[in-house]
Amino acid sequence: MLLSETDIAEISKLKELIPLLRNGRPVAKAIWENYYRNACSDLIIRLNANNKTGIYKITNLLNQKSYIGQAVDIGERFKEHCKAGVGIDTPNSKLYKEMLSIGPENFSFEIIEECGRPDLNKNEAYWIKFFDT
């Protein structure tokens, strides 16, 4: 995901506000709308991920740890990951804690394999084992 140095600096300043508020979600939404939404859409277009069913990989570029997932619409799923990674409806998981900490721009997103719905579980299990994630 491509962001400018200025964008990253502004995001950092906005993130400083979140702990000071009762509800930091509006700030996270502003960060998503103003900085990440277009970058995420560009990534989805570059990967040709819209309406693709299959297995994907997200890799932390700083420590090389990876996450393997499956989706009926990989492009939409990438968008959900990015939104969670900036603090919008973030489930409690290691992936999202890392994204919140270092930013989604420090993760790579890739399609590992396109496959049909009936093969998602089997193929996801294969790739998890293959990449030892």
N, C-alpha and C. Protein backbone atom coordinates (compact mmCIF):
# COMPACT_ATOMS: atom_id res chain seq x y z
N MET A 1 0.85 -1.16 0.00
CA MET A 1 0.00 0.00 0.00
C MET A 1 0.90 1.23 0.00
N LEU A 2 0.64 2.13 -0.89
CA LEU A 2 1.51 3.28 -1.06
C LEU A 2 0.94 4.53 -0.40
N LEU A 3 1.70 5.08 0.54
CA LEU A 3 1.35 6.34 1.20
C LEU A 3 2.57 7.25 1.16
N SER A 4 2.33 8.54 1.10
CA SER A 4 3.44 9.49 1.10
C SER A 4 3.98 9.67 2.52
N GLU A 5 5.18 10.20 2.61
CA GLU A 5 5.78 10.51 3.92
C GLU A 5 4.90 11.50 4.68
N THR A 6 4.33 12.45 3.97
CA THR A 6 3.45 13.44 4.60
C THR A 6 2.21 12.76 5.16
N ASP A 7 1.61 11.85 4.39
CA ASP A 7 0.44 11.11 4.87
C ASP A 7 0.78 10.33 6.14
N ILE A 8 1.91 9.65 6.13
CA ILE A 8 2.30 8.84 7.29
C ILE A 8 2.51 9.72 8.52
N ALA A 9 3.12 10.88 8.33
CA ALA A 9 3.33 11.81 9.44
C ALA A 9 1.99 12.32 9.99
N GLU A 10 1.07 12.66 9.10
CA GLU A 10 -0.24 13.15 9.54
C GLU A 10 -1.02 12.05 10.26
N ILE A 11 -0.96 10.82 9.74
CA ILE A 11 -1.63 9.69 10.38
C ILE A 11 -1.09 9.50 11.80
N SER A 12 0.21 9.59 11.95
CA SER A 12 0.84 9.44 13.26
C SER A 12 0.31 10.47 14.25
N LYS A 13 0.19 11.71 13.81
CA LYS A 13 -0.34 12.77 14.68
C LYS A 13 -1.80 12.50 15.06
N LEU A 14 -2.60 12.06 14.09
CA LEU A 14 -4.00 11.76 14.37
C LEU A 14 -4.14 10.59 15.34
N LYS A 15 -3.29 9.59 15.20
CA LYS A 15 -3.34 8.43 16.09
C LYS A 15 -3.06 8.82 17.55
N GLU A 16 -2.30 9.88 17.75
CA GLU A 16 -2.01 10.36 19.11
C GLU A 16 -3.27 10.83 19.82
N LEU A 17 -4.28 11.21 19.07
CA LEU A 17 -5.54 11.67 19.66
C LEU A 17 -6.40 10.54 20.21
N ILE A 18 -6.31 9.38 19.61
CA ILE A 18 -7.23 8.27 19.93
C ILE A 18 -7.24 7.91 21.41
N PRO A 19 -6.08 7.76 22.08
CA PRO A 19 -6.14 7.41 23.51
C PRO A 19 -6.73 8.51 24.40
N LEU A 20 -6.80 9.73 23.89
CA LEU A 20 -7.33 10.85 24.66
C LEU A 20 -8.86 10.95 24.60
N LEU A 21 -9.47 10.15 23.74
CA LEU A 21 -10.90 10.24 23.51
C LEU A 21 -11.64 9.06 24.14
N ARG A 22 -12.90 9.29 24.51
CA ARG A 22 -13.74 8.19 24.98
C ARG A 22 -13.98 7.19 23.86
N ASN A 23 -14.14 7.70 22.66
CA ASN A 23 -14.40 6.86 21.50
C ASN A 23 -13.48 7.32 20.36
N GLY A 24 -12.46 6.51 20.09
CA GLY A 24 -11.50 6.87 19.05
C GLY A 24 -11.94 6.48 17.65
N ARG A 25 -13.08 5.81 17.55
CA ARG A 25 -13.54 5.33 16.24
C ARG A 25 -13.72 6.45 15.20
N PRO A 26 -14.27 7.62 15.58
CA PRO A 26 -14.38 8.68 14.56
C PRO A 26 -13.03 9.11 13.98
N VAL A 27 -12.00 9.11 14.81
CA VAL A 27 -10.67 9.46 14.30
C VAL A 27 -10.17 8.36 13.36
N ALA A 28 -10.39 7.09 13.76
CA ALA A 28 -9.99 5.97 12.89
C ALA A 28 -10.73 6.05 11.55
N LYS A 29 -12.01 6.41 11.60
CA LYS A 29 -12.77 6.55 10.34
C LYS A 29 -12.20 7.67 9.48
N ALA A 30 -11.82 8.78 10.12
CA ALA A 30 -11.23 9.89 9.37
C ALA A 30 -9.90 9.47 8.74
N ILE A 31 -9.10 8.71 9.48
CA ILE A 31 -7.84 8.22 8.94
C ILE A 31 -8.10 7.31 7.74
N TRP A 32 -9.08 6.41 7.88
CA TRP A 32 -9.43 5.51 6.77
C TRP A 32 -9.86 6.32 5.54
N GLU A 33 -10.81 7.21 5.73
CA GLU A 33 -11.39 7.95 4.60
C GLU A 33 -10.36 8.85 3.92
N ASN A 34 -9.51 9.50 4.69
CA ASN A 34 -8.61 10.50 4.12
C ASN A 34 -7.26 9.97 3.66
N TYR A 35 -6.85 8.81 4.17
CA TYR A 35 -5.52 8.32 3.84
C TYR A 35 -5.49 6.92 3.23
N TYR A 36 -6.28 6.01 3.78
CA TYR A 36 -6.15 4.62 3.37
C TYR A 36 -7.16 4.14 2.33
N ARG A 37 -8.32 4.74 2.27
CA ARG A 37 -9.36 4.24 1.36
C ARG A 37 -8.86 4.17 -0.09
N ASN A 38 -8.33 5.27 -0.59
CA ASN A 38 -7.86 5.29 -1.98
C ASN A 38 -6.64 4.39 -2.18
N ALA A 39 -5.74 4.38 -1.21
CA ALA A 39 -4.56 3.52 -1.31
C ALA A 39 -4.97 2.05 -1.35
N CYS A 40 -5.96 1.69 -0.54
CA CYS A 40 -6.46 0.31 -0.52
C CYS A 40 -7.14 -0.03 -1.85
N SER A 41 -7.94 0.88 -2.36
CA SER A 41 -8.60 0.66 -3.66
C SER A 41 -7.58 0.48 -4.78
N ASP A 42 -6.52 1.30 -4.75
CA ASP A 42 -5.45 1.18 -5.75
C ASP A 42 -4.78 -0.19 -5.65
N LEU A 43 -4.52 -0.64 -4.43
CA LEU A 43 -3.90 -1.96 -4.22
C LEU A 43 -4.79 -3.06 -4.80
N ILE A 44 -6.07 -3.00 -4.53
CA ILE A 44 -7.01 -4.01 -5.01
C ILE A 44 -7.03 -4.04 -6.55
N ILE A 45 -6.98 -2.87 -7.15
CA ILE A 45 -6.95 -2.79 -8.62
C ILE A 45 -5.64 -3.36 -9.15
N ARG A 46 -4.51 -2.98 -8.54
CA ARG A 46 -3.20 -3.49 -8.99
C ARG A 46 -3.12 -5.01 -8.91
N LEU A 47 -3.75 -5.58 -7.87
CA LEU A 47 -3.72 -7.04 -7.68
C LEU A 47 -4.83 -7.74 -8.47
N ASN A 48 -5.70 -6.94 -9.10
CA ASN A 48 -6.85 -7.50 -9.81
C ASN A 48 -7.62 -8.46 -8.89
N ALA A 49 -7.90 -7.98 -7.67
CA ALA A 49 -8.46 -8.83 -6.62
C ALA A 49 -9.98 -8.76 -6.51
N ASN A 50 -10.62 -7.82 -7.17
CA ASN A 50 -12.08 -7.71 -7.06
C ASN A 50 -12.77 -8.96 -7.58
N ASN A 51 -13.71 -9.43 -6.79
CA ASN A 51 -14.54 -10.58 -7.15
C ASN A 51 -13.74 -11.86 -7.41
N LYS A 52 -12.54 -11.94 -6.87
CA LYS A 52 -11.72 -13.15 -7.00
C LYS A 52 -11.93 -14.00 -5.75
N THR A 53 -12.17 -15.28 -5.93
CA THR A 53 -12.32 -16.22 -4.81
C THR A 53 -11.02 -17.01 -4.69
N GLY A 54 -10.51 -17.11 -3.46
CA GLY A 54 -9.29 -17.88 -3.29
C GLY A 54 -8.58 -17.63 -1.99
N ILE A 55 -7.29 -17.88 -2.02
CA ILE A 55 -6.43 -17.81 -0.85
C ILE A 55 -5.49 -16.62 -1.01
N TYR A 56 -5.28 -15.90 0.08
CA TYR A 56 -4.41 -14.73 0.05
C TYR A 56 -3.42 -14.77 1.21
N LYS A 57 -2.40 -13.94 1.09
CA LYS A 57 -1.36 -13.86 2.11
C LYS A 57 -1.11 -12.40 2.45
N ILE A 58 -1.03 -12.12 3.75
CA ILE A 58 -0.66 -10.79 4.24
C ILE A 58 0.64 -10.97 5.00
N THR A 59 1.66 -10.17 4.66
CA THR A 59 2.96 -10.30 5.29
C THR A 59 3.38 -8.99 5.93
N ASN A 60 3.80 -9.08 7.18
CA ASN A 60 4.37 -7.94 7.89
C ASN A 60 5.76 -7.71 7.29
N LEU A 61 5.97 -6.55 6.69
CA LEU A 61 7.23 -6.27 6.00
C LEU A 61 8.39 -6.03 6.96
N LEU A 62 8.09 -5.78 8.23
CA LEU A 62 9.14 -5.52 9.20
C LEU A 62 9.69 -6.79 9.84
N ASN A 63 8.82 -7.79 10.04
CA ASN A 63 9.30 -9.03 10.68
C ASN A 63 9.07 -10.28 9.83
N GLN A 64 8.48 -10.11 8.66
CA GLN A 64 8.23 -11.19 7.69
C GLN A 64 7.23 -12.25 8.17
N LYS A 65 6.52 -12.00 9.26
CA LYS A 65 5.48 -12.94 9.68
C LYS A 65 4.29 -12.79 8.75
N SER A 66 3.63 -13.91 8.46
CA SER A 66 2.54 -13.90 7.48
C SER A 66 1.25 -14.44 8.05
N TYR A 67 0.18 -14.07 7.38
CA TYR A 67 -1.17 -14.55 7.68
C TYR A 67 -1.75 -15.07 6.38
N ILE A 68 -2.33 -16.25 6.42
CA ILE A 68 -3.00 -16.82 5.26
C ILE A 68 -4.50 -16.79 5.53
N GLY A 69 -5.26 -16.38 4.54
CA GLY A 69 -6.71 -16.34 4.68
C GLY A 69 -7.40 -16.76 3.40
N GLN A 70 -8.71 -16.90 3.50
CA GLN A 70 -9.52 -17.26 2.34
C GLN A 70 -10.65 -16.25 2.21
N ALA A 71 -11.13 -16.07 0.99
CA ALA A 71 -12.23 -15.14 0.78
C ALA A 71 -12.97 -15.46 -0.51
N VAL A 72 -14.26 -15.20 -0.48
CA VAL A 72 -15.08 -15.31 -1.68
C VAL A 72 -14.82 -14.10 -2.58
N ASP A 73 -14.52 -12.95 -1.98
CA ASP A 73 -14.14 -11.74 -2.72
C ASP A 73 -12.88 -11.20 -2.06
N ILE A 74 -11.73 -11.56 -2.60
CA ILE A 74 -10.46 -11.19 -1.98
C ILE A 74 -10.31 -9.68 -1.88
N GLY A 75 -10.72 -8.95 -2.89
CA GLY A 75 -10.62 -7.49 -2.85
C GLY A 75 -11.38 -6.90 -1.68
N GLU A 76 -12.60 -7.36 -1.48
CA GLU A 76 -13.42 -6.88 -0.36
C GLU A 76 -12.78 -7.28 0.97
N ARG A 77 -12.23 -8.48 1.02
CA ARG A 77 -11.60 -8.94 2.26
C ARG A 77 -10.35 -8.12 2.57
N PHE A 78 -9.56 -7.76 1.57
CA PHE A 78 -8.40 -6.89 1.80
C PHE A 78 -8.87 -5.56 2.40
N LYS A 79 -9.95 -5.02 1.86
CA LYS A 79 -10.48 -3.76 2.37
C LYS A 79 -10.88 -3.90 3.85
N GLU A 80 -11.54 -5.00 4.20
CA GLU A 80 -11.93 -5.24 5.59
C GLU A 80 -10.70 -5.31 6.49
N HIS A 81 -9.64 -6.00 6.03
CA HIS A 81 -8.41 -6.07 6.82
C HIS A 81 -7.82 -4.68 7.03
N CYS A 82 -7.77 -3.88 5.99
CA CYS A 82 -7.20 -2.54 6.11
C CYS A 82 -8.02 -1.67 7.06
N LYS A 83 -9.34 -1.74 6.96
CA LYS A 83 -10.19 -0.96 7.85
C LYS A 83 -9.97 -1.37 9.31
N ALA A 84 -9.90 -2.67 9.54
CA ALA A 84 -9.64 -3.16 10.90
C ALA A 84 -8.25 -2.72 11.35
N GLY A 85 -7.31 -2.68 10.42
CA GLY A 85 -5.94 -2.31 10.74
C GLY A 85 -5.74 -0.85 11.07
N VAL A 86 -6.74 -0.01 10.79
CA VAL A 86 -6.66 1.39 11.19
C VAL A 86 -7.57 1.69 12.38
N GLY A 87 -8.25 0.66 12.88
CA GLY A 87 -9.02 0.82 14.11
C GLY A 87 -10.52 0.88 13.96
N ILE A 88 -11.04 0.55 12.79
CA ILE A 88 -12.48 0.52 12.60
C ILE A 88 -12.95 -0.91 12.83
N ASP A 89 -13.76 -1.12 13.86
CA ASP A 89 -14.29 -2.45 14.18
C ASP A 89 -13.18 -3.50 14.20
N THR A 90 -12.16 -3.25 14.99
CA THR A 90 -11.00 -4.13 15.03
C THR A 90 -11.22 -5.30 15.99
N PRO A 91 -11.28 -6.51 15.45
CA PRO A 91 -11.34 -7.69 16.32
C PRO A 91 -10.01 -7.85 17.07
N ASN A 92 -10.04 -8.61 18.12
CA ASN A 92 -8.84 -8.84 18.92
C ASN A 92 -8.01 -9.95 18.29
N SER A 93 -7.04 -9.59 17.48
CA SER A 93 -6.16 -10.58 16.87
C SER A 93 -4.75 -10.00 16.76
N LYS A 94 -3.76 -10.89 16.67
CA LYS A 94 -2.37 -10.46 16.54
C LYS A 94 -2.17 -9.62 15.27
N LEU A 95 -2.81 -10.04 14.18
CA LEU A 95 -2.66 -9.33 12.91
C LEU A 95 -3.10 -7.88 13.05
N TYR A 96 -4.29 -7.66 13.60
CA TYR A 96 -4.80 -6.29 13.69
C TYR A 96 -4.05 -5.47 14.72
N LYS A 97 -3.60 -6.09 15.80
CA LYS A 97 -2.78 -5.36 16.77
C LYS A 97 -1.51 -4.85 16.11
N GLU A 98 -0.90 -5.70 15.28
CA GLU A 98 0.30 -5.29 14.55
C GLU A 98 -0.01 -4.19 13.55
N MET A 99 -1.11 -4.34 12.81
CA MET A 99 -1.48 -3.31 11.84
C MET A 99 -1.74 -1.97 12.53
N LEU A 100 -2.43 -2.02 13.67
CA LEU A 100 -2.69 -0.79 14.42
C LEU A 100 -1.38 -0.16 14.89
N SER A 101 -0.45 -1.00 15.28
CA SER A 101 0.81 -0.52 15.82
C SER A 101 1.71 0.10 14.75
N ILE A 102 1.86 -0.57 13.62
CA ILE A 102 2.83 -0.10 12.61
C ILE A 102 2.19 0.40 11.32
N GLY A 103 0.87 0.23 11.18
CA GLY A 103 0.16 0.73 10.00
C GLY A 103 0.06 -0.29 8.89
N PRO A 104 -1.09 -0.33 8.21
CA PRO A 104 -1.27 -1.26 7.10
C PRO A 104 -0.27 -1.07 5.96
N GLU A 105 0.32 0.10 5.87
CA GLU A 105 1.30 0.33 4.81
C GLU A 105 2.56 -0.50 4.99
N ASN A 106 2.73 -1.10 6.17
CA ASN A 106 3.88 -1.95 6.43
C ASN A 106 3.56 -3.43 6.26
N PHE A 107 2.52 -3.72 5.48
CA PHE A 107 2.12 -5.08 5.17
C PHE A 107 1.96 -5.23 3.66
N SER A 108 2.33 -6.39 3.17
CA SER A 108 2.07 -6.69 1.76
C SER A 108 0.84 -7.59 1.69
N PHE A 109 0.12 -7.45 0.61
CA PHE A 109 -1.09 -8.23 0.36
C PHE A 109 -0.90 -8.91 -0.99
N GLU A 110 -1.13 -10.21 -1.03
CA GLU A 110 -0.99 -10.93 -2.31
C GLU A 110 -1.99 -12.07 -2.41
N ILE A 111 -2.36 -12.34 -3.64
CA ILE A 111 -3.22 -13.49 -3.90
C ILE A 111 -2.30 -14.68 -4.12
N ILE A 112 -2.52 -15.74 -3.36
CA ILE A 112 -1.71 -16.94 -3.48
C ILE A 112 -2.30 -17.88 -4.53
N GLU A 113 -3.62 -18.01 -4.50
CA GLU A 113 -4.27 -18.96 -5.40
C GLU A 113 -5.74 -18.60 -5.57
N GLU A 114 -6.20 -18.65 -6.79
CA GLU A 114 -7.63 -18.55 -7.05
C GLU A 114 -8.19 -19.96 -7.06
N CYS A 115 -9.35 -20.13 -6.46
CA CYS A 115 -9.99 -21.45 -6.43
C CYS A 115 -11.48 -21.26 -6.20
N GLY A 116 -12.24 -22.30 -6.37
CA GLY A 116 -13.67 -22.24 -6.16
C GLY A 116 -14.01 -22.35 -4.68
N ARG A 117 -15.22 -21.96 -4.34
CA ARG A 117 -15.68 -22.01 -2.94
C ARG A 117 -15.51 -23.38 -2.30
N PRO A 118 -15.83 -24.47 -3.02
CA PRO A 118 -15.72 -25.79 -2.38
C PRO A 118 -14.30 -26.13 -1.92
N ASP A 119 -13.29 -25.50 -2.53
CA ASP A 119 -11.90 -25.81 -2.22
C ASP A 119 -11.25 -24.86 -1.21
N LEU A 120 -11.96 -23.85 -0.76
CA LEU A 120 -11.35 -22.83 0.10
C LEU A 120 -10.73 -23.41 1.36
N ASN A 121 -11.48 -24.18 2.13
CA ASN A 121 -10.96 -24.70 3.40
C ASN A 121 -9.75 -25.59 3.19
N LYS A 122 -9.83 -26.50 2.25
CA LYS A 122 -8.73 -27.43 1.97
C LYS A 122 -7.49 -26.68 1.50
N ASN A 123 -7.68 -25.74 0.58
CA ASN A 123 -6.55 -25.01 0.03
C ASN A 123 -5.93 -24.06 1.06
N GLU A 124 -6.78 -23.44 1.87
CA GLU A 124 -6.25 -22.57 2.93
C GLU A 124 -5.37 -23.39 3.89
N ALA A 125 -5.85 -24.57 4.29
CA ALA A 125 -5.07 -25.44 5.19
C ALA A 125 -3.73 -25.81 4.55
N TYR A 126 -3.75 -26.10 3.25
CA TYR A 126 -2.51 -26.43 2.55
C TYR A 126 -1.51 -25.27 2.64
N TRP A 127 -1.96 -24.05 2.33
CA TRP A 127 -1.05 -22.91 2.30
C TRP A 127 -0.58 -22.51 3.69
N ILE A 128 -1.43 -22.68 4.69
CA ILE A 128 -1.01 -22.41 6.07
C ILE A 128 0.15 -23.34 6.42
N LYS A 129 0.01 -24.60 6.07
CA LYS A 129 1.08 -25.56 6.34
C LYS A 129 2.32 -25.25 5.50
N PHE A 130 2.11 -24.93 4.22
CA PHE A 130 3.22 -24.64 3.30
C PHE A 130 4.07 -23.48 3.81
N PHE A 131 3.40 -22.40 4.24
CA PHE A 131 4.12 -21.20 4.71
C PHE A 131 4.40 -21.24 6.22
N ASP A 132 3.92 -22.28 6.90
CA ASP A 132 4.11 -22.43 8.34
C ASP A 132 3.67 -21.18 9.10
N THR A 133 2.44 -20.78 8.81
CA THR A 133 1.90 -19.58 9.47
C THR A 133 0.96 -19.96 10.60
